[in-house]
Amino acid sequence: MSGQLSGAQRKLRIGVIFGGRSGEHAVSLMSARSVLAALSAEKYEVTQIGITLDGAWWVSATHAPGDVLEALLSGDHRHLTPAALLPDPTHSGLYGFRGSVLEALVELDVIFPVLHGTFGEDGTLQGVLEMADIAYVGAGVLGSAVGMDKALFKDVMRAHSLPVLESALLLRSEIETDIESALAKAEAVAPFPLFVKPANLGSSVGVSKVRSRSDLLEGLLEAARYDRRVLVERGIPAREIEVSVLGNDHPQASLPGEIIPAEDFYSYNAKYHDDRSRLLIPAPLSPEITAQVQEIALQAYQAIDCAGMARVDFLLDKESQELYLSEVNTIPGFTSISMYAKLWEASGMSYPELVDRLIELALERKAQRDRTERRYER
């Protein structure tokens, strides 16, 4: 395995982190179940690390792998113990609490974050992992933060001359203190319909398609519940196209897929509760548009310094055939039936192979970080 630690006979110790203090907590648990099932017991020693909606970290009280996932789903934490990951590179692992005393629990070689949304996908957890000097799956602090913030992502794409829709950024404070000005700023983006989104959230949580000023008011207030930054974007009659990207410095793009949502757009309900939504894999696109999707996806991925994985989402205007970048998801939905995994399956890589490859990429990225000199001596 590329980048693997010395002592090749030893199983790699993998910590899978899931749950989290985010509106996407439930989605994270669904993704974690699939990842945990795909990790081979012959290759890996797996430690489940669950984070509650309140932000508490839990592991098995017996220090064994334990079914922390089921405990988070049930809310019964009696057989779990509080845990912590310290930003201390001298111990690359978890600590537990014995009363008020911290004790080392388990050393970890790689962390696999399966945390969607805030405090997991936005660079905050990645910063802790960098300080702790642990290899981890996925993008680093920079790529995670820029990919998470839809408004900042659009600014970076514009700087790279990559196509994005017209938009405006509003702050929660603007919406709360001067709603008339906020409405006017939003309406200046384009004629209705518009989309209103929390800038830093995924899974379509808090997203509204608005067709009038009254809709817009409701949409702004709804989005501001979930983030202090709110994005307003021009709405178009669009086909929703997605492509999976895998790799570090030399990434590869999968075949693209298309979402046929059960509703007017791919809302949270259409994604996770309405089985009428359909995925077309591969997407019925011309060879020219397929190549364009893949090329722009790779350019966007590299522009924000992504690593490991990302799903890149596009909007294809049904009338003009213009292609627009929507967003880059650095920790996409990761169930076995999620688009990210299914696109790689259609491209020739099974789900367990994909998980193995992501762990390899995490170790490769760590090896690159280890080459950076931290001391300056003349």
Protein backbone atom coordinates (compact mmCIF):
# COMPACT_ATOMS: atom_id res chain seq x y z
CA MET A 1 0.00 0.00 0.00
CA SER A 2 1.47 3.33 -1.07
CA GLY A 3 2.68 5.46 1.81
CA GLN A 4 2.00 2.72 4.38
CA LEU A 5 3.83 2.80 7.68
CA SER A 6 6.73 0.47 8.46
CA GLY A 7 5.74 -2.90 9.82
CA ALA A 8 3.62 -3.85 6.83
CA GLN A 9 2.18 -6.94 8.58
CA ARG A 10 0.40 -4.82 11.15
CA LYS A 11 -3.16 -3.81 10.39
CA LEU A 12 -3.69 -0.12 9.81
CA ARG A 13 -5.56 1.51 12.69
CA ILE A 14 -8.42 3.54 11.25
CA GLY A 15 -10.57 5.97 13.21
CA VAL A 16 -13.93 6.67 11.56
CA ILE A 17 -15.50 9.90 12.82
CA PHE A 18 -19.22 10.50 12.23
CA GLY A 19 -22.26 12.39 13.51
CA GLY A 20 -21.27 15.92 14.33
CA ARG A 21 -22.72 19.26 15.36
CA SER A 22 -24.40 19.99 12.04
CA GLY A 23 -27.72 20.05 10.26
CA GLU A 24 -26.35 17.09 8.29
CA HIS A 25 -25.86 14.87 11.38
CA ALA A 26 -28.38 12.25 10.22
CA VAL A 27 -26.84 12.09 6.74
CA SER A 28 -23.43 11.51 8.31
CA LEU A 29 -24.73 8.48 10.22
CA MET A 30 -26.08 6.99 6.99
CA SER A 31 -22.73 7.50 5.26
CA ALA A 32 -20.78 6.09 8.22
CA ARG A 33 -22.75 2.85 8.22
CA SER A 34 -21.65 2.17 4.64
CA VAL A 35 -18.01 3.13 5.21
CA LEU A 36 -17.77 0.94 8.32
CA ALA A 37 -19.25 -2.01 6.43
CA ALA A 38 -16.70 -1.59 3.62
CA LEU A 39 -13.57 -1.52 5.83
CA SER A 40 -12.00 -4.96 5.68
CA ALA A 41 -11.36 -6.56 9.08
CA GLU A 42 -8.37 -8.32 7.51
CA LYS A 43 -6.70 -5.01 6.65
CA TYR A 44 -7.84 -2.58 9.33
CA GLU A 45 -8.43 -2.19 13.04
CA VAL A 46 -11.35 0.20 13.16
CA THR A 47 -12.29 2.54 15.99
CA GLN A 48 -15.70 4.20 15.79
CA ILE A 49 -15.73 7.80 17.00
CA GLY A 50 -19.19 9.31 17.34
CA ILE A 51 -19.89 13.01 17.81
CA THR A 52 -23.31 13.96 19.13
CA LEU A 53 -25.40 16.91 17.99
CA ASP A 54 -24.14 18.71 21.09
CA GLY A 55 -20.53 18.10 20.04
CA ALA A 56 -19.60 15.41 22.60
CA TRP A 57 -17.11 12.78 21.40
CA TRP A 58 -17.77 9.14 22.31
CA VAL A 59 -15.95 5.81 21.86
CA SER A 60 -16.54 2.34 23.20
CA ALA A 61 -16.07 2.14 26.97
CA THR A 62 -14.21 -1.16 26.56
CA HIS A 63 -11.69 0.52 24.24
CA ALA A 64 -12.74 -2.07 21.66
CA PRO A 65 -14.11 -0.91 18.30
CA GLY A 66 -17.68 -1.05 19.61
CA ASP A 67 -20.89 -0.08 17.87
CA VAL A 68 -20.84 3.61 18.62
CA LEU A 69 -22.97 4.27 15.55
CA GLU A 70 -25.93 2.36 16.98
CA ALA A 71 -25.54 4.23 20.27
CA LEU A 72 -25.77 7.58 18.49
CA LEU A 73 -28.82 6.41 16.59
CA SER A 74 -30.55 5.23 19.77
CA GLY A 75 -29.32 8.02 22.05
CA ASP A 76 -28.18 5.43 24.61
CA HIS A 77 -24.58 6.29 25.55
CA ARG A 78 -24.34 4.17 28.70
CA HIS A 79 -21.74 1.77 27.29
CA LEU A 80 -19.64 4.58 25.78
CA THR A 81 -16.87 6.72 27.21
CA PRO A 82 -16.11 10.39 26.49
CA ALA A 83 -13.08 10.85 24.25
CA ALA A 84 -10.89 13.59 22.88
CA LEU A 85 -8.40 14.10 20.10
CA LEU A 86 -5.74 16.56 21.18
CA PRO A 87 -3.77 18.82 18.81
CA ASP A 88 -0.58 17.20 20.11
CA PRO A 89 1.66 15.46 17.55
CA THR A 90 3.48 13.41 20.21
CA HIS A 91 0.46 11.09 20.57
CA SER A 92 -1.42 10.37 17.34
CA GLY A 93 -4.54 8.96 18.83
CA LEU A 94 -7.51 9.23 21.12
CA TYR A 95 -7.67 10.04 24.80
CA GLY A 96 -10.44 9.00 27.15
CA PHE A 97 -11.58 10.47 30.43
CA ARG A 98 -11.18 8.61 33.70
CA GLY A 99 -12.96 11.03 35.96
CA SER A 100 -11.10 14.30 35.36
CA VAL A 101 -7.94 12.55 34.15
CA LEU A 102 -7.08 11.96 30.50
CA GLU A 103 -5.64 8.59 29.55
CA ALA A 104 -4.39 7.40 26.17
CA LEU A 105 -6.86 5.00 24.56
CA VAL A 106 -5.68 4.04 21.10
CA GLU A 107 -3.09 5.08 18.55
CA LEU A 108 -4.48 5.80 15.09
CA ASP A 109 -2.75 5.72 11.70
CA VAL A 110 -5.52 7.31 9.64
CA ILE A 111 -8.68 9.23 10.44
CA PHE A 112 -11.60 8.80 8.03
CA PRO A 113 -13.93 11.77 8.61
CA VAL A 114 -17.49 11.00 7.54
CA LEU A 115 -18.78 14.33 8.78
CA HIS A 116 -20.91 16.45 6.48
CA GLY A 117 -21.42 20.17 6.97
CA THR A 118 -20.14 22.44 9.71
CA PHE A 119 -17.39 21.30 12.11
CA GLY A 120 -16.50 18.40 9.82
CA GLU A 121 -16.36 19.44 6.19
CA ASP A 122 -15.41 23.10 6.62
CA GLY A 123 -11.75 22.81 7.64
CA THR A 124 -12.23 22.98 11.41
CA LEU A 125 -11.72 19.27 12.05
CA GLN A 126 -8.99 19.19 9.42
CA GLY A 127 -7.11 21.87 11.37
CA VAL A 128 -7.18 19.72 14.50
CA LEU A 129 -5.97 16.69 12.53
CA GLU A 130 -3.13 18.71 10.99
CA MET A 131 -2.01 19.88 14.44
CA ALA A 132 -2.25 16.32 15.77
CA ASP A 133 -0.14 15.19 12.79
CA ILE A 134 -2.46 12.33 11.84
CA ALA A 135 -3.10 11.19 8.28
CA TYR A 136 -6.71 11.75 7.26
CA VAL A 137 -8.97 11.13 4.30
CA GLY A 138 -10.03 14.07 2.16
CA ALA A 139 -9.18 17.69 1.57
CA GLY A 140 -7.06 19.78 3.90
CA VAL A 141 -7.98 22.99 5.72
CA LEU A 142 -7.88 25.21 2.64
CA GLY A 143 -9.76 22.98 0.24
CA SER A 144 -12.35 22.09 2.87
CA ALA A 145 -13.02 25.70 3.86
CA VAL A 146 -13.26 27.07 0.33
CA GLY A 147 -15.31 24.13 -0.90
CA MET A 148 -17.71 24.51 2.00
CA ASP A 149 -18.45 28.21 1.59
CA LYS A 150 -20.52 28.49 -1.59
CA ALA A 151 -19.99 32.25 -1.91
CA LEU A 152 -16.21 32.11 -1.51
CA PHE A 153 -16.07 29.10 -3.83
CA LYS A 154 -17.80 31.12 -6.55
CA ASP A 155 -15.32 33.97 -6.12
CA VAL A 156 -12.40 31.56 -6.56
CA MET A 157 -14.02 30.00 -9.63
CA ARG A 158 -14.51 33.44 -11.18
CA ALA A 159 -10.85 34.21 -10.52
CA HIS A 160 -10.00 31.06 -12.49
CA SER A 161 -12.43 31.96 -15.31
CA LEU A 162 -14.60 28.93 -14.55
CA PRO A 163 -18.36 29.29 -15.17
CA VAL A 164 -20.68 30.03 -12.23
CA LEU A 165 -24.10 31.67 -12.00
CA GLU A 166 -24.68 35.25 -10.88
CA SER A 167 -25.09 35.53 -7.13
CA ALA A 168 -25.00 37.81 -4.11
CA LEU A 169 -23.89 37.24 -0.54
CA LEU A 170 -26.00 38.50 2.35
CA LEU A 171 -25.15 38.39 6.03
CA ARG A 172 -27.57 37.30 8.71
CA SER A 173 -27.09 40.69 10.35
CA GLU A 174 -28.26 42.43 7.14
CA ILE A 175 -31.35 40.26 6.98
CA GLU A 176 -32.19 40.83 10.65
CA THR A 177 -31.57 44.59 10.78
CA ASP A 178 -32.65 45.87 7.34
CA ILE A 179 -34.79 43.34 5.55
CA GLU A 180 -35.88 45.79 2.83
CA SER A 181 -32.29 46.42 1.78
CA ALA A 182 -31.57 42.71 1.95
CA LEU A 183 -34.55 41.96 -0.30
CA ALA A 184 -33.48 44.63 -2.78
CA LYS A 185 -29.92 43.27 -2.87
CA ALA A 186 -31.23 39.77 -3.50
CA GLU A 187 -33.68 40.87 -6.19
CA ALA A 188 -30.87 42.67 -8.04
CA VAL A 189 -29.18 39.33 -8.78
CA ALA A 190 -31.65 38.33 -11.51
CA PRO A 191 -35.38 38.04 -12.16
CA PHE A 192 -37.25 35.32 -10.29
CA PRO A 193 -36.87 32.43 -9.77
CA LEU A 194 -33.91 32.64 -7.42
CA PHE A 195 -32.28 30.10 -5.12
CA VAL A 196 -31.50 31.01 -1.52
CA LYS A 197 -28.96 28.86 0.36
CA PRO A 198 -26.96 28.85 3.57
CA ALA A 199 -23.42 29.44 2.32
CA ASN A 200 -21.92 26.78 4.59
CA LEU A 201 -24.11 23.70 4.56
CA GLY A 202 -24.92 20.80 2.27
CA SER A 203 -27.57 18.16 1.59
CA SER A 204 -29.87 21.02 0.48
CA VAL A 205 -30.58 21.89 4.13
CA GLY A 206 -32.12 25.38 4.29
CA VAL A 207 -32.27 25.76 0.48
CA SER A 208 -35.32 27.41 -1.11
CA LYS A 209 -36.41 28.07 -4.68
CA VAL A 210 -38.24 31.40 -4.57
CA ARG A 211 -40.58 32.89 -7.15
CA SER A 212 -41.80 36.09 -5.48
CA ARG A 213 -40.79 38.68 -2.90
CA SER A 214 -42.80 36.92 -0.19
CA ASP A 215 -41.07 33.63 -1.05
CA LEU A 216 -37.73 35.42 -0.96
CA LEU A 217 -38.41 36.80 2.51
CA GLU A 218 -39.22 33.32 3.80
CA GLY A 219 -36.17 31.86 2.04
CA LEU A 220 -33.77 34.42 3.51
CA LEU A 221 -35.08 33.84 7.03
CA GLU A 222 -34.90 30.06 6.58
CA ALA A 223 -31.32 30.10 5.24
CA ALA A 224 -30.21 32.50 8.00
CA ARG A 225 -31.24 29.90 10.59
CA TYR A 226 -28.38 27.68 9.45
CA ASP A 227 -25.59 30.14 8.65
CA ARG A 228 -24.59 33.75 9.12
CA ARG A 229 -23.74 33.91 5.40
CA VAL A 230 -26.57 33.47 2.88
CA LEU A 231 -26.15 33.02 -0.87
CA VAL A 232 -28.74 34.18 -3.39
CA GLU A 233 -28.28 32.77 -6.88
CA ARG A 234 -29.97 33.09 -10.27
CA GLY A 235 -32.28 30.18 -10.99
CA ILE A 236 -32.21 28.45 -14.37
CA PRO A 237 -34.08 25.53 -15.96
CA ALA A 238 -31.29 23.08 -15.27
CA ARG A 239 -30.25 19.50 -15.54
CA GLU A 240 -28.28 18.50 -12.44
CA ILE A 241 -25.01 16.82 -13.38
CA GLU A 242 -22.44 15.41 -10.94
CA VAL A 243 -18.98 13.94 -11.32
CA SER A 244 -16.73 12.26 -8.76
CA VAL A 245 -13.07 13.19 -8.45
CA LEU A 246 -10.41 11.04 -6.78
CA GLY A 247 -6.74 11.77 -6.14
CA ASN A 248 -4.20 14.19 -4.69
CA ASP A 249 -1.85 16.07 -7.00
CA HIS A 250 -2.95 14.12 -10.08
CA PRO A 251 -6.72 13.61 -9.69
CA GLN A 252 -9.01 11.67 -11.98
CA ALA A 253 -12.65 12.29 -12.83
CA SER A 254 -15.31 9.59 -13.07
CA LEU A 255 -18.05 9.30 -15.63
CA PRO A 256 -20.69 11.99 -14.94
CA GLY A 257 -24.15 11.17 -13.65
CA GLU A 258 -27.46 13.01 -13.75
CA ILE A 259 -30.06 13.48 -11.03
CA ILE A 260 -33.74 13.48 -11.93
CA PRO A 261 -35.24 14.90 -8.71
CA ALA A 262 -38.69 13.93 -7.52
CA GLU A 263 -39.37 17.58 -6.75
CA ASP A 264 -38.76 20.90 -8.49
CA PHE A 265 -35.11 20.69 -7.41
CA TYR A 266 -32.97 18.20 -5.51
CA SER A 267 -34.17 19.16 -2.03
CA TYR A 268 -33.32 17.36 1.24
CA ASN A 269 -36.61 15.48 1.00
CA ALA A 270 -35.97 14.51 -2.63
CA LYS A 271 -32.49 13.27 -1.71
CA TYR A 272 -33.24 11.20 1.36
CA HIS A 273 -36.97 10.53 1.68
CA ASP A 274 -38.65 10.50 -1.74
CA ASP A 275 -37.79 7.33 -3.64
CA ARG A 276 -39.10 8.80 -6.89
CA SER A 277 -35.80 10.66 -7.41
CA ARG A 278 -33.64 8.88 -9.99
CA LEU A 279 -29.95 8.72 -10.80
CA LEU A 280 -28.87 8.27 -14.41
CA ILE A 281 -25.40 6.71 -14.58
CA PRO A 282 -23.77 7.55 -16.86
CA ALA A 283 -25.52 10.81 -17.64
CA PRO A 284 -27.01 10.97 -21.16
CA LEU A 285 -24.62 13.67 -22.40
CA SER A 286 -22.79 14.19 -25.65
CA PRO A 287 -19.11 13.20 -25.67
CA GLU A 288 -18.22 16.88 -25.91
CA ILE A 289 -20.20 17.90 -22.82
CA THR A 290 -18.99 14.84 -20.91
CA ALA A 291 -15.39 15.85 -21.58
CA GLN A 292 -16.17 19.45 -20.60
CA VAL A 293 -17.74 18.35 -17.32
CA GLN A 294 -14.73 16.21 -16.44
CA GLU A 295 -12.19 18.87 -17.38
CA ILE A 296 -13.91 21.69 -15.45
CA ALA A 297 -14.37 19.37 -12.45
CA LEU A 298 -10.63 18.70 -12.34
CA GLN A 299 -9.81 22.40 -12.74
CA ALA A 300 -12.15 23.33 -9.86
CA TYR A 301 -10.76 20.52 -7.68
CA GLN A 302 -7.19 21.69 -8.19
CA ALA A 303 -8.06 25.40 -7.92
CA ILE A 304 -9.07 24.99 -4.27
CA ASP A 305 -6.34 22.44 -3.48
CA CYS A 306 -8.63 19.48 -2.91
CA ALA A 307 -7.21 16.10 -1.95
CA GLY A 308 -8.53 12.58 -1.66
CA MET A 309 -12.04 13.00 -2.93
CA ALA A 310 -14.78 15.41 -3.92
CA ARG A 311 -18.03 15.38 -5.82
CA VAL A 312 -18.32 18.29 -8.23
CA ASP A 313 -21.86 19.43 -9.05
CA PHE A 314 -22.96 21.22 -12.20
CA LEU A 315 -26.06 22.86 -13.62
CA LEU A 316 -26.61 22.41 -17.35
CA ASP A 317 -29.06 24.98 -18.75
CA LYS A 318 -31.74 23.05 -20.66
CA GLU A 319 -32.32 25.97 -23.04
CA SER A 320 -28.87 27.42 -23.73
CA GLN A 321 -26.82 24.26 -23.01
CA GLU A 322 -24.48 26.44 -20.95
CA LEU A 323 -22.66 24.58 -18.17
CA TYR A 324 -22.22 26.12 -14.70
CA LEU A 325 -20.31 24.92 -11.66
CA SER A 326 -22.59 24.65 -8.66
CA GLU A 327 -20.32 23.46 -5.85
CA VAL A 328 -17.57 21.09 -4.75
CA ASN A 329 -18.46 18.70 -1.93
CA THR A 330 -15.24 17.63 -0.21
CA ILE A 331 -17.02 15.00 1.94
CA PRO A 332 -19.90 13.92 -0.28
CA GLY A 333 -22.68 11.59 0.73
CA PHE A 334 -20.94 8.25 1.15
CA THR A 335 -23.55 5.53 1.31
CA SER A 336 -23.16 2.65 -1.13
CA ILE A 337 -26.00 4.15 -3.18
CA SER A 338 -24.74 7.75 -3.06
CA MET A 339 -23.75 9.33 -6.33
CA TYR A 340 -20.05 9.60 -5.42
CA ALA A 341 -19.60 5.86 -4.94
CA LYS A 342 -21.97 4.83 -7.73
CA LEU A 343 -20.11 6.97 -10.27
CA TRP A 344 -16.84 5.25 -9.41
CA GLU A 345 -18.55 1.87 -9.57
CA ALA A 346 -19.71 2.75 -13.09
CA SER A 347 -16.12 3.80 -13.85
CA GLY A 348 -14.76 0.43 -12.74
CA MET A 349 -13.99 0.81 -9.01
CA SER A 350 -16.01 -1.04 -6.37
CA TYR A 351 -17.04 0.56 -3.07
CA PRO A 352 -14.48 -1.38 -0.95
CA GLU A 353 -11.74 -0.57 -3.50
CA LEU A 354 -12.72 3.09 -3.32
CA VAL A 355 -12.45 3.13 0.48
CA ASP A 356 -9.04 1.42 0.30
CA ARG A 357 -7.82 3.94 -2.26
CA LEU A 358 -8.92 6.88 -0.11
CA ILE A 359 -6.90 5.53 2.80
CA GLU A 360 -3.88 5.15 0.51
CA LEU A 361 -4.30 8.76 -0.63
CA ALA A 362 -4.48 9.92 3.00
CA LEU A 363 -1.15 8.25 3.73
CA GLU A 364 0.38 9.69 0.55
CA ARG A 365 -0.75 13.18 1.53
CA LYS A 366 0.69 12.70 5.04
CA ALA A 367 4.02 11.63 3.54
CA GLN A 368 4.05 14.84 1.51
CA ARG A 369 3.32 16.93 4.61
CA ASP A 370 6.11 15.18 6.50
CA ARG A 371 8.62 16.41 3.91
CA THR A 372 7.91 20.04 4.89
CA GLU A 373 10.60 21.51 7.12
CA ARG A 374 9.19 23.03 10.31
CA ARG A 375 12.41 24.64 11.52
CA TYR A 376 14.47 27.33 9.89
CA GLU A 377 18.18 27.16 10.58
CA ARG A 378 20.77 29.28 8.81
